[in-house]
C-alpha cells in the first residue's frame, strides 16, 4: 500500500492563516493542501511568493511573524525563490 503524501507543516500553517483571514477560501485551501502534499519546501516557497495575492501573503506573513513584504516578489523570500527557479 502506498504511503500517503504528507503536507509540510509550514504549508499547513500558511494555508490555515489564509483561511483564518478569508474563510471563503476554505475550498481553495483544501485543493492547495492536496496539490502541495509531498512537495519540497522550495516548492512551498515558490507558491507563497508567486501564487498568493498580496492580502493572502500578508496573512501568512503575520502568522509566521515576518515583516510586511517579506513574501513579496521583491522581498527577501522572492529573491530566494527566483534563485530556486533558475
PDB file of N, CA and C in Angstrom:
ATOM      1  N   UNK A   1       0.844  -1.172   0.000  1.00  0.00           N
ATOM      2  CA  UNK A   1       0.000   0.000   0.000  1.00  0.00           C
ATOM      3  C   UNK A   1       0.896   1.245   0.000  1.00  0.00           C
ATOM      4  N   UNK A   2       0.621   2.196  -0.866  1.00  0.00           N
ATOM      5  CA  UNK A   2       1.422   3.418  -0.976  1.00  0.00           C
ATOM      6  C   UNK A   2       1.183   4.319   0.227  1.00  0.00           C
ATOM      7  N   UNK A   3       2.283   4.920   0.676  1.00  0.00           N
ATOM      8  CA  UNK A   3       2.195   5.852   1.801  1.00  0.00           C
ATOM      9  C   UNK A   3       1.596   7.168   1.318  1.00  0.00           C
ATOM     10  N   UNK A   4       0.657   7.714   2.091  1.00  0.00           N
ATOM     11  CA  UNK A   4       0.026   8.989   1.736  1.00  0.00           C
ATOM     12  C   UNK A   4       1.057  10.110   1.838  1.00  0.00           C
ATOM     13  N   UNK A   5       0.989  11.022   0.895  1.00  0.00           N
ATOM     14  CA  UNK A   5       1.890  12.168   0.922  1.00  0.00           C
ATOM     15  C   UNK A   5       1.471  13.100   2.041  1.00  0.00           C
ATOM     16  N   UNK A   6       2.459  13.582   2.778  1.00  0.00           N
ATOM     17  CA  UNK A   6       2.212  14.484   3.901  1.00  0.00           C
ATOM     18  C   UNK A   6       2.380  15.928   3.460  1.00  0.00           C
ATOM     19  N   UNK A   7       1.569  16.789   4.005  1.00  0.00           N
ATOM     20  CA  UNK A   7       1.694  18.219   3.753  1.00  0.00           C
ATOM     21  C   UNK A   7       2.694  18.788   4.751  1.00  0.00           C
ATOM     22  N   UNK A   8       3.642  19.551   4.253  1.00  0.00           N
ATOM     23  CA  UNK A   8       4.644  20.189   5.087  1.00  0.00           C
ATOM     24  C   UNK A   8       3.953  21.051   6.151  1.00  0.00           C
ATOM     25  N   UNK A   9       4.516  21.066   7.352  1.00  0.00           N
ATOM     26  CA  UNK A   9       3.925  21.830   8.452  1.00  0.00           C
ATOM     27  C   UNK A   9       3.851  23.326   8.133  1.00  0.00           C
ATOM     28  N   UNK A  10       4.832  23.850   7.403  1.00  0.00           N
ATOM     29  CA  UNK A  10       4.792  25.267   7.035  1.00  0.00           C
ATOM     30  C   UNK A  10       3.646  25.539   6.061  1.00  0.00           C
ATOM     31  N   UNK A  11       3.425  24.618   5.138  1.00  0.00           N
ATOM     32  CA  UNK A  11       2.307  24.776   4.199  1.00  0.00           C
ATOM     33  C   UNK A  11       0.992  24.744   4.954  1.00  0.00           C
ATOM     34  N   UNK A  12       0.907  23.850   5.924  1.00  0.00           N
ATOM     35  CA  UNK A  12      -0.313  23.747   6.736  1.00  0.00           C
ATOM     36  C   UNK A  12      -0.577  25.067   7.464  1.00  0.00           C
ATOM     37  N   UNK A  13       0.450  25.621   8.093  1.00  0.00           N
ATOM     38  CA  UNK A  13       0.292  26.897   8.810  1.00  0.00           C
ATOM     39  C   UNK A  13      -0.073  28.032   7.858  1.00  0.00           C
ATOM     40  N   UNK A  14       0.566  28.060   6.702  1.00  0.00           N
ATOM     41  CA  UNK A  14       0.294  29.125   5.732  1.00  0.00           C
ATOM     42  C   UNK A  14      -1.153  29.060   5.254  1.00  0.00           C
ATOM     43  N   UNK A  15      -1.609  27.881   4.903  1.00  0.00           N
ATOM     44  CA  UNK A  15      -2.984  27.745   4.420  1.00  0.00           C
ATOM     45  C   UNK A  15      -3.998  27.986   5.530  1.00  0.00           C
ATOM     46  N   UNK A  16      -3.670  27.597   6.755  1.00  0.00           N
ATOM     47  CA  UNK A  16      -4.544  27.913   7.892  1.00  0.00           C
ATOM     48  C   UNK A  16      -4.670  29.421   8.060  1.00  0.00           C
ATOM     49  N   UNK A  17      -3.559  30.141   7.876  1.00  0.00           N
ATOM     50  CA  UNK A  17      -3.577  31.604   8.009  1.00  0.00           C
ATOM     51  C   UNK A  17      -4.456  32.235   6.936  1.00  0.00           C
ATOM     52  N   UNK A  18      -4.364  31.699   5.721  1.00  0.00           N
ATOM     53  CA  UNK A  18      -5.196  32.228   4.635  1.00  0.00           C
ATOM     54  C   UNK A  18      -6.677  32.021   4.964  1.00  0.00           C
ATOM     55  N   UNK A  19      -7.031  30.833   5.416  1.00  0.00           N
ATOM     56  CA  UNK A  19      -8.434  30.532   5.731  1.00  0.00           C
ATOM     57  C   UNK A  19      -8.920  31.361   6.919  1.00  0.00           C
ATOM     58  N   UNK A  20      -8.056  31.579   7.905  1.00  0.00           N
ATOM     59  CA  UNK A  20      -8.446  32.411   9.050  1.00  0.00           C
ATOM     60  C   UNK A  20      -8.750  33.839   8.603  1.00  0.00           C
ATOM     61  N   UNK A  21      -7.976  34.298   7.629  1.00  0.00           N
ATOM     62  CA  UNK A  21      -8.163  35.651   7.103  1.00  0.00           C
ATOM     63  C   UNK A  21      -9.332  35.734   6.131  1.00  0.00           C
ATOM     64  N   UNK A  22      -9.495  34.668   5.348  1.00  0.00           N
ATOM     65  CA  UNK A  22     -10.527  34.644   4.298  1.00  0.00           C
ATOM     66  C   UNK A  22     -11.261  33.300   4.327  1.00  0.00           C
ATOM     67  N   UNK A  23     -12.243  33.133   5.208  1.00  0.00           N
ATOM     68  CA  UNK A  23     -12.962  31.865   5.311  1.00  0.00           C
ATOM     69  C   UNK A  23     -13.594  31.407   3.994  1.00  0.00           C
ATOM     70  N   UNK A  24     -13.877  32.353   3.094  1.00  0.00           N
ATOM     71  CA  UNK A  24     -14.468  31.991   1.804  1.00  0.00           C
ATOM     72  C   UNK A  24     -13.490  31.208   0.921  1.00  0.00           C
ATOM     73  N   UNK A  25     -12.211  31.153   1.309  1.00  0.00           N
ATOM     74  CA  UNK A  25     -11.206  30.425   0.522  1.00  0.00           C
ATOM     75  C   UNK A  25     -10.944  29.014   1.061  1.00  0.00           C
ATOM     76  N   UNK A  26     -11.819  28.536   1.935  1.00  0.00           N
ATOM     77  CA  UNK A  26     -11.614  27.208   2.538  1.00  0.00           C
ATOM     78  C   UNK A  26     -11.500  26.106   1.478  1.00  0.00           C
ATOM     79  N   UNK A  27     -12.360  26.089   0.500  1.00  0.00           N
ATOM     80  CA  UNK A  27     -12.319  25.050  -0.538  1.00  0.00           C
ATOM     81  C   UNK A  27     -11.039  25.168  -1.358  1.00  0.00           C
ATOM     82  N   UNK A  28     -10.667  26.387  -1.716  1.00  0.00           N
ATOM     83  CA  UNK A  28      -9.415  26.624  -2.444  1.00  0.00           C
ATOM     84  C   UNK A  28      -8.229  26.109  -1.633  1.00  0.00           C
ATOM     85  N   UNK A  29      -8.225  26.389  -0.322  1.00  0.00           N
ATOM     86  CA  UNK A  29      -7.121  25.963   0.534  1.00  0.00           C
ATOM     87  C   UNK A  29      -7.046  24.437   0.611  1.00  0.00           C
ATOM     88  N   UNK A  30      -8.181  23.768   0.670  1.00  0.00           N
ATOM     89  CA  UNK A  30      -8.182  22.302   0.698  1.00  0.00           C
ATOM     90  C   UNK A  30      -7.591  21.739  -0.600  1.00  0.00           C
ATOM     91  N   UNK A  31      -7.929  22.354  -1.727  1.00  0.00           N
ATOM     92  CA  UNK A  31      -7.337  21.939  -3.005  1.00  0.00           C
ATOM     93  C   UNK A  31      -5.823  22.130  -2.986  1.00  0.00           C
ATOM     94  N   UNK A  32      -5.369  23.267  -2.443  1.00  0.00           N
ATOM     95  CA  UNK A  32      -3.931  23.543  -2.363  1.00  0.00           C
ATOM     96  C   UNK A  32      -3.232  22.567  -1.427  1.00  0.00           C
ATOM     97  N   UNK A  33      -3.905  22.165  -0.346  1.00  0.00           N
ATOM     98  CA  UNK A  33      -3.312  21.179   0.563  1.00  0.00           C
ATOM     99  C   UNK A  33      -3.007  19.884  -0.186  1.00  0.00           C
ATOM    100  N   UNK A  34      -3.959  19.435  -0.996  1.00  0.00           N
ATOM    101  CA  UNK A  34      -3.747  18.213  -1.775  1.00  0.00           C
ATOM    102  C   UNK A  34      -2.647  18.419  -2.817  1.00  0.00           C
ATOM    103  N   UNK A  35      -2.649  19.577  -3.455  1.00  0.00           N
ATOM    104  CA  UNK A  35      -1.672  19.878  -4.500  1.00  0.00           C
ATOM    105  C   UNK A  35      -0.244  19.965  -3.941  1.00  0.00           C
ATOM    106  N   UNK A  36      -0.094  20.543  -2.761  1.00  0.00           N
ATOM    107  CA  UNK A  36       1.234  20.758  -2.184  1.00  0.00           C
ATOM    108  C   UNK A  36       1.744  19.586  -1.342  1.00  0.00           C
ATOM    109  N   UNK A  37       0.870  18.618  -1.052  1.00  0.00           N
ATOM    110  CA  UNK A  37       1.289  17.464  -0.251  1.00  0.00           C
ATOM    111  C   UNK A  37       2.455  16.745  -0.924  1.00  0.00           C
ATOM    112  N   UNK A  38       3.492  16.499  -0.147  1.00  0.00           N
ATOM    113  CA  UNK A  38       4.654  15.786  -0.653  1.00  0.00           C
ATOM    114  C   UNK A  38       5.665  16.651  -1.385  1.00  0.00           C
ATOM    115  N   UNK A  39       5.340  17.911  -1.593  1.00  0.00           N
ATOM    116  CA  UNK A  39       6.259  18.810  -2.300  1.00  0.00           C
ATOM    117  C   UNK A  39       7.355  19.305  -1.341  1.00  0.00           C
ATOM    118  N   UNK A  40       8.546  19.576  -1.861  1.00  0.00           N
ATOM    119  CA  UNK A  40       9.614  20.099  -1.004  1.00  0.00           C
ATOM    120  C   UNK A  40       9.331  21.549  -0.596  1.00  0.00           C
ATOM    121  N   UNK A  41      10.040  22.002   0.409  1.00  0.00           N
ATOM    122  CA  UNK A  41       9.843  23.372   0.896  1.00  0.00           C
ATOM    123  C   UNK A  41      10.167  24.410  -0.165  1.00  0.00           C
ATOM    124  N   UNK A  42      11.065  24.097  -1.080  1.00  0.00           N
ATOM    125  CA  UNK A  42      11.370  25.052  -2.144  1.00  0.00           C
ATOM    126  C   UNK A  42      10.128  25.313  -2.996  1.00  0.00           C
ATOM    127  N   UNK A  43       9.319  24.296  -3.222  1.00  0.00           N
ATOM    128  CA  UNK A  43       8.073  24.472  -3.976  1.00  0.00           C
ATOM    129  C   UNK A  43       7.069  25.283  -3.165  1.00  0.00           C
ATOM    130  N   UNK A  44       7.039  25.044  -1.857  1.00  0.00           N
ATOM    131  CA  UNK A  44       6.167  25.831  -0.988  1.00  0.00           C
ATOM    132  C   UNK A  44       6.559  27.305  -1.042  1.00  0.00           C
ATOM    133  N   UNK A  45       7.849  27.591  -0.999  1.00  0.00           N
ATOM    134  CA  UNK A  45       8.305  28.976  -1.071  1.00  0.00           C
ATOM    135  C   UNK A  45       7.879  29.613  -2.386  1.00  0.00           C
ATOM    136  N   UNK A  46       8.041  28.902  -3.483  1.00  0.00           N
ATOM    137  CA  UNK A  46       7.603  29.435  -4.784  1.00  0.00           C
ATOM    138  C   UNK A  46       6.102  29.720  -4.771  1.00  0.00           C
ATOM    139  N   UNK A  47       5.326  28.816  -4.175  1.00  0.00           N
ATOM    140  CA  UNK A  47       3.876  29.020  -4.079  1.00  0.00           C
ATOM    141  C   UNK A  47       3.553  30.283  -3.275  1.00  0.00           C
ATOM    142  N   UNK A  48       4.194  30.444  -2.118  1.00  0.00           N
ATOM    143  CA  UNK A  48       3.916  31.593  -1.255  1.00  0.00           C
ATOM    144  C   UNK A  48       4.269  32.909  -1.930  1.00  0.00           C
ATOM    145  N   UNK A  49       5.360  32.914  -2.696  1.00  0.00           N
ATOM    146  CA  UNK A  49       5.828  34.159  -3.325  1.00  0.00           C
ATOM    147  C   UNK A  49       5.079  34.460  -4.617  1.00  0.00           C
ATOM    148  N   UNK A  50       4.903  33.459  -5.461  1.00  0.00           N
ATOM    149  CA  UNK A  50       4.391  33.702  -6.814  1.00  0.00           C
ATOM    150  C   UNK A  50       2.904  33.434  -7.003  1.00  0.00           C
ATOM    151  N   UNK A  51       2.264  32.715  -6.070  1.00  0.00           N
ATOM    152  CA  UNK A  51       0.857  32.342  -6.276  1.00  0.00           C
ATOM    153  C   UNK A  51      -0.133  33.096  -5.397  1.00  0.00           C
ATOM    154  N   UNK A  52       0.300  33.526  -4.229  1.00  0.00           N
ATOM    155  CA  UNK A  52      -0.633  34.214  -3.335  1.00  0.00           C
ATOM    156  C   UNK A  52      -0.756  35.681  -3.697  1.00  0.00           C
ATOM    157  N   UNK A  53      -1.962  36.215  -3.559  1.00  0.00           N
ATOM    158  CA  UNK A  53      -2.122  37.653  -3.754  1.00  0.00           C
ATOM    159  C   UNK A  53      -1.613  38.382  -2.507  1.00  0.00           C
ATOM    160  N   UNK A  54      -1.538  39.689  -2.589  1.00  0.00           N
ATOM    161  CA  UNK A  54      -0.942  40.481  -1.520  1.00  0.00           C
ATOM    162  C   UNK A  54      -1.652  40.285  -0.180  1.00  0.00           C
ATOM    163  N   UNK A  55      -2.971  40.256  -0.199  1.00  0.00           N
ATOM    164  CA  UNK A  55      -3.719  40.075   1.042  1.00  0.00           C
ATOM    165  C   UNK A  55      -3.432  38.751   1.717  1.00  0.00           C
ATOM    166  N   UNK A  56      -3.371  37.692   0.930  1.00  0.00           N
ATOM    167  CA  UNK A  56      -3.076  36.378   1.493  1.00  0.00           C
ATOM    168  C   UNK A  56      -1.619  36.288   1.942  1.00  0.00           C
ATOM    169  N   UNK A  57      -0.713  36.925   1.194  1.00  0.00           N
ATOM    170  CA  UNK A  57       0.683  36.963   1.636  1.00  0.00           C
ATOM    171  C   UNK A  57       0.786  37.671   2.986  1.00  0.00           C
ATOM    172  N   UNK A  58       0.050  38.755   3.152  1.00  0.00           N
ATOM    173  CA  UNK A  58       0.094  39.492   4.421  1.00  0.00           C
ATOM    174  C   UNK A  58      -0.424  38.634   5.570  1.00  0.00           C
ATOM    175  N   UNK A  59      -1.450  37.840   5.334  1.00  0.00           N
ATOM    176  CA  UNK A  59      -1.977  36.952   6.375  1.00  0.00           C
ATOM    177  C   UNK A  59      -0.932  35.909   6.762  1.00  0.00           C
ATOM    178  N   UNK A  60      -0.232  35.364   5.773  1.00  0.00           N
ATOM    179  CA  UNK A  60       0.814  34.366   6.041  1.00  0.00           C
ATOM    180  C   UNK A  60       1.997  35.021   6.755  1.00  0.00           C
ATOM    181  N   UNK A  61       2.397  36.206   6.295  1.00  0.00           N
ATOM    182  CA  UNK A  61       3.496  36.918   6.962  1.00  0.00           C
ATOM    183  C   UNK A  61       3.176  37.142   8.438  1.00  0.00           C
ATOM    184  N   UNK A  62       1.964  37.564   8.732  1.00  0.00           N
ATOM    185  CA  UNK A  62       1.560  37.804  10.118  1.00  0.00           C
ATOM    186  C   UNK A  62       1.600  36.508  10.927  1.00  0.00           C
ATOM    187  N   UNK A  63       1.134  35.413  10.343  1.00  0.00           N
ATOM    188  CA  UNK A  63       1.125  34.121  11.039  1.00  0.00           C
ATOM    189  C   UNK A  63       2.533  33.628  11.344  1.00  0.00           C
ATOM    190  N   UNK A  64       3.472  33.933  10.463  1.00  0.00           N
ATOM    191  CA  UNK A  64       4.860  33.487  10.650  1.00  0.00           C
ATOM    192  C   UNK A  64       5.721  34.518  11.377  1.00  0.00           C
ATOM    193  N   UNK A  65       5.146  35.674  11.710  1.00  0.00           N
ATOM    194  CA  UNK A  65       5.923  36.709  12.381  1.00  0.00           C
ATOM    195  C   UNK A  65       6.931  37.391  11.474  1.00  0.00           C
ATOM    196  N   UNK A  66       6.634  37.420  10.163  1.00  0.00           N
ATOM    197  CA  UNK A  66       7.509  38.074   9.198  1.00  0.00           C
ATOM    198  C   UNK A  66       7.138  39.538   9.057  1.00  0.00           C
ATOM    199  N   UNK A  67       8.070  40.316   8.562  1.00  0.00           N
ATOM    200  CA  UNK A  67       7.802  41.727   8.295  1.00  0.00           C
ATOM    201  C   UNK A  67       6.923  41.844   7.050  1.00  0.00           C
ATOM    202  N   UNK A  68       6.073  42.863   6.989  1.00  0.00           N
ATOM    203  CA  UNK A  68       5.267  43.076   5.775  1.00  0.00           C
ATOM    204  C   UNK A  68       6.175  43.187   4.552  1.00  0.00           C
ATOM    205  N   UNK A  69       5.819  42.465   3.515  1.00  0.00           N
ATOM    206  CA  UNK A  69       6.584  42.490   2.277  1.00  0.00           C
ATOM    207  C   UNK A  69       7.657  41.416   2.163  1.00  0.00           C
ATOM    208  N   UNK A  70       7.900  40.660   3.242  1.00  0.00           N
ATOM    209  CA  UNK A  70       8.934  39.619   3.179  1.00  0.00           C
ATOM    210  C   UNK A  70       8.631  38.550   2.138  1.00  0.00           C
ATOM    211  N   UNK A  71       7.354  38.262   1.888  1.00  0.00           N
ATOM    212  CA  UNK A  71       6.992  37.235   0.906  1.00  0.00           C
ATOM    213  C   UNK A  71       6.743  37.812  -0.482  1.00  0.00           C
ATOM    214  N   UNK A  72       6.806  39.109  -0.619  1.00  0.00           N
ATOM    215  CA  UNK A  72       6.588  39.732  -1.929  1.00  0.00           C
ATOM    216  C   UNK A  72       7.699  39.341  -2.894  1.00  0.00           C
ATOM    217  N   UNK A  73       7.393  39.403  -4.183  1.00  0.00           N
ATOM    218  CA  UNK A  73       8.385  39.057  -5.205  1.00  0.00           C
ATOM    219  C   UNK A  73       9.662  39.877  -5.028  1.00  0.00           C
ATOM    220  N   UNK A  74       9.516  41.132  -4.613  1.00  0.00           N
ATOM    221  CA  UNK A  74      10.684  42.000  -4.424  1.00  0.00           C
ATOM    222  C   UNK A  74      11.309  41.828  -3.039  1.00  0.00           C
ATOM    223  N   UNK A  75      10.705  41.044  -2.168  1.00  0.00           N
ATOM    224  CA  UNK A  75      11.206  40.867  -0.808  1.00  0.00           C
ATOM    225  C   UNK A  75      12.255  39.771  -0.726  1.00  0.00           C
ATOM    226  N   UNK A  76      12.756  39.502   0.474  1.00  0.00           N
ATOM    227  CA  UNK A  76      13.806  38.500   0.662  1.00  0.00           C
ATOM    228  C   UNK A  76      13.408  37.101   0.189  1.00  0.00           C
ATOM    229  N   UNK A  77      12.191  36.678   0.499  1.00  0.00           N
ATOM    230  CA  UNK A  77      11.754  35.354   0.068  1.00  0.00           C
ATOM    231  C   UNK A  77      11.630  35.289  -1.451  1.00  0.00           C
ATOM    232  N   UNK A  78      11.201  36.375  -2.066  1.00  0.00           N
ATOM    233  CA  UNK A  78      11.094  36.427  -3.526  1.00  0.00           C
ATOM    234  C   UNK A  78      12.446  36.288  -4.199  1.00  0.00           C
ATOM    235  N   UNK A  79      13.448  36.916  -3.623  1.00  0.00           N
ATOM    236  CA  UNK A  79      14.798  36.805  -4.192  1.00  0.00           C
ATOM    237  C   UNK A  79      15.292  35.363  -4.117  1.00  0.00           C
ATOM    238  N   UNK A  80      15.041  34.711  -2.996  1.00  0.00           N
ATOM    239  CA  UNK A  80      15.446  33.302  -2.856  1.00  0.00           C
ATOM    240  C   UNK A  80      14.663  32.429  -3.827  1.00  0.00           C
ATOM    241  N   UNK A  81      13.353  32.645  -3.922  1.00  0.00           N
ATOM    242  CA  UNK A  81      12.521  31.836  -4.815  1.00  0.00           C
ATOM    243  C   UNK A  81      12.952  31.995  -6.262  1.00  0.00           C
ATOM    244  N   UNK A  82      13.344  33.207  -6.656  1.00  0.00           N
ATOM    245  CA  UNK A  82      13.820  33.399  -8.032  1.00  0.00           C
ATOM    246  C   UNK A  82      15.102  32.616  -8.278  1.00  0.00           C
ATOM    247  N   UNK A  83      15.985  32.543  -7.294  1.00  0.00           N
ATOM    248  CA  UNK A  83      17.209  31.755  -7.433  1.00  0.00           C
ATOM    249  C   UNK A  83      16.880  30.272  -7.589  1.00  0.00           C
ATOM    250  N   UNK A  84      15.876  29.805  -6.869  1.00  0.00           N
ATOM    251  CA  UNK A  84      15.486  28.403  -6.957  1.00  0.00           C
ATOM    252  C   UNK A  84      14.867  28.065  -8.306  1.00  0.00           C
ATOM    253  N   UNK A  85      14.266  29.043  -8.958  1.00  0.00           N
ATOM    254  CA  UNK A  85      13.656  28.824 -10.281  1.00  0.00           C
ATOM    255  C   UNK A  85      14.708  28.661 -11.359  1.00  0.00           C
ATOM    256  N   UNK A  86      15.867  29.250 -11.164  1.00  0.00           N
ATOM    257  CA  UNK A  86      16.919  29.254 -12.202  1.00  0.00           C
ATOM    258  C   UNK A  86      17.498  27.880 -12.430  1.00  0.00           C
TER     259      UNK A  86
END
